[in-house]
């Protein structure tokens, strides 16, 4: 039996957020919510005022600690 290496798409209601890379749709993250971890390896965090911060964290090897987390 083959392993399932992805999470099935969940039904979303209300405002949505779409990953710019793989086009998966998630419920829009609120400031108090934990970050969204997309299946393609990108994390999305709402840091307030509906500003979404993107960060790439590969599952194997971790993220680069010197990589910029915020684009200003």
C-alpha atoms as a PDB file:
ATOM      1  CA  UNK A   1       0.000   0.000   0.000  1.00  0.00           C
ATOM      2  CA  UNK A   2       1.490   3.336  -1.072  1.00  0.00           C
ATOM      3  CA  UNK A   3       1.806   6.177   1.427  1.00  0.00           C
ATOM      4  CA  UNK A   4      -0.228   9.336   0.949  1.00  0.00           C
ATOM      5  CA  UNK A   5       2.210  12.235   0.827  1.00  0.00           C
ATOM      6  CA  UNK A   6      -0.261  15.097   0.660  1.00  0.00           C
ATOM      7  CA  UNK A   7      -3.181  16.492   2.611  1.00  0.00           C
ATOM      8  CA  UNK A   8      -6.535  16.365   0.821  1.00  0.00           C
ATOM      9  CA  UNK A   9      -8.033  19.743  -0.048  1.00  0.00           C
ATOM     10  CA  UNK A  10     -10.453  20.863   2.665  1.00  0.00           C
ATOM     11  CA  UNK A  11     -13.756  22.573   2.036  1.00  0.00           C
ATOM     12  CA  UNK A  12     -13.326  26.313   2.694  1.00  0.00           C
ATOM     13  CA  UNK A  13     -16.040  28.754   3.614  1.00  0.00           C
ATOM     14  CA  UNK A  14     -15.665  32.486   4.069  1.00  0.00           C
ATOM     15  CA  UNK A  15     -12.600  34.456   2.995  1.00  0.00           C
ATOM     16  CA  UNK A  16      -9.883  32.388   1.346  1.00  0.00           C
ATOM     17  CA  UNK A  17      -6.160  32.634   0.694  1.00  0.00           C
ATOM     18  CA  UNK A  18      -4.540  31.029  -2.366  1.00  0.00           C
ATOM     19  CA  UNK A  19      -0.899  29.928  -2.453  1.00  0.00           C
ATOM     20  CA  UNK A  20       0.811  31.833  -5.276  1.00  0.00           C
ATOM     21  CA  UNK A  21       2.965  28.848  -6.171  1.00  0.00           C
ATOM     22  CA  UNK A  22       0.740  25.767  -6.211  1.00  0.00           C
ATOM     23  CA  UNK A  23      -2.711  27.453  -6.163  1.00  0.00           C
ATOM     24  CA  UNK A  24      -4.037  25.517  -3.124  1.00  0.00           C
ATOM     25  CA  UNK A  25      -6.843  27.344  -1.345  1.00  0.00           C
ATOM     26  CA  UNK A  26      -6.906  27.806   2.443  1.00  0.00           C
ATOM     27  CA  UNK A  27      -9.109  29.734   4.861  1.00  0.00           C
ATOM     28  CA  UNK A  28      -7.703  33.269   5.181  1.00  0.00           C
ATOM     29  CA  UNK A  29      -5.324  33.346   8.184  1.00  0.00           C
ATOM     30  CA  UNK A  30      -6.244  35.652  11.041  1.00  0.00           C
ATOM     31  CA  UNK A  31      -3.617  37.376  13.203  1.00  0.00           C
ATOM     32  CA  UNK A  32      -4.261  34.999  16.112  1.00  0.00           C
ATOM     33  CA  UNK A  33      -4.130  31.865  13.915  1.00  0.00           C
ATOM     34  CA  UNK A  34      -1.053  29.720  13.516  1.00  0.00           C
ATOM     35  CA  UNK A  35       0.778  30.043  10.170  1.00  0.00           C
ATOM     36  CA  UNK A  36      -0.479  28.172   7.126  1.00  0.00           C
ATOM     37  CA  UNK A  37       1.929  25.465   5.963  1.00  0.00           C
ATOM     38  CA  UNK A  38       1.300  24.838   2.298  1.00  0.00           C
ATOM     39  CA  UNK A  39       2.016  21.473   0.733  1.00  0.00           C
ATOM     40  CA  UNK A  40       4.622  23.075  -1.549  1.00  0.00           C
ATOM     41  CA  UNK A  41       6.805  24.077   1.425  1.00  0.00           C
ATOM     42  CA  UNK A  42       5.851  27.746   1.819  1.00  0.00           C
ATOM     43  CA  UNK A  43       4.525  29.104   5.133  1.00  0.00           C
ATOM     44  CA  UNK A  44       2.154  32.064   5.285  1.00  0.00           C
ATOM     45  CA  UNK A  45       1.658  34.159   8.424  1.00  0.00           C
ATOM     46  CA  UNK A  46      -0.718  37.074   8.949  1.00  0.00           C
ATOM     47  CA  UNK A  47       1.375  39.599  10.918  1.00  0.00           C
ATOM     48  CA  UNK A  48      -1.398  42.163  11.288  1.00  0.00           C
ATOM     49  CA  UNK A  49      -3.224  44.646   9.086  1.00  0.00           C
ATOM     50  CA  UNK A  50      -3.812  41.729   6.691  1.00  0.00           C
ATOM     51  CA  UNK A  51      -0.115  41.653   5.767  1.00  0.00           C
ATOM     52  CA  UNK A  52       0.850  38.099   4.829  1.00  0.00           C
ATOM     53  CA  UNK A  53       4.511  37.128   5.311  1.00  0.00           C
ATOM     54  CA  UNK A  54       5.859  34.296   3.155  1.00  0.00           C
ATOM     55  CA  UNK A  55       8.712  32.041   4.229  1.00  0.00           C
ATOM     56  CA  UNK A  56      10.083  28.917   2.578  1.00  0.00           C
ATOM     57  CA  UNK A  57      10.840  26.112   5.033  1.00  0.00           C
ATOM     58  CA  UNK A  58      11.717  22.834   3.337  1.00  0.00           C
ATOM     59  CA  UNK A  59      10.665  19.728   5.220  1.00  0.00           C
ATOM     60  CA  UNK A  60      14.141  18.200   4.992  1.00  0.00           C
ATOM     61  CA  UNK A  61      17.092  20.342   6.028  1.00  0.00           C
ATOM     62  CA  UNK A  62      15.130  23.197   7.600  1.00  0.00           C
ATOM     63  CA  UNK A  63      15.130  26.787   6.489  1.00  0.00           C
ATOM     64  CA  UNK A  64      18.076  29.082   5.972  1.00  0.00           C
ATOM     65  CA  UNK A  65      18.422  31.133   9.199  1.00  0.00           C
ATOM     66  CA  UNK A  66      19.968  34.015   7.217  1.00  0.00           C
ATOM     67  CA  UNK A  67      17.151  34.200   4.668  1.00  0.00           C
ATOM     68  CA  UNK A  68      14.969  37.334   4.833  1.00  0.00           C
ATOM     69  CA  UNK A  69      11.555  36.612   6.278  1.00  0.00           C
ATOM     70  CA  UNK A  70       9.934  39.927   5.484  1.00  0.00           C
ATOM     71  CA  UNK A  71       9.890  41.862   2.252  1.00  0.00           C
ATOM     72  CA  UNK A  72       9.731  45.585   2.979  1.00  0.00           C
END
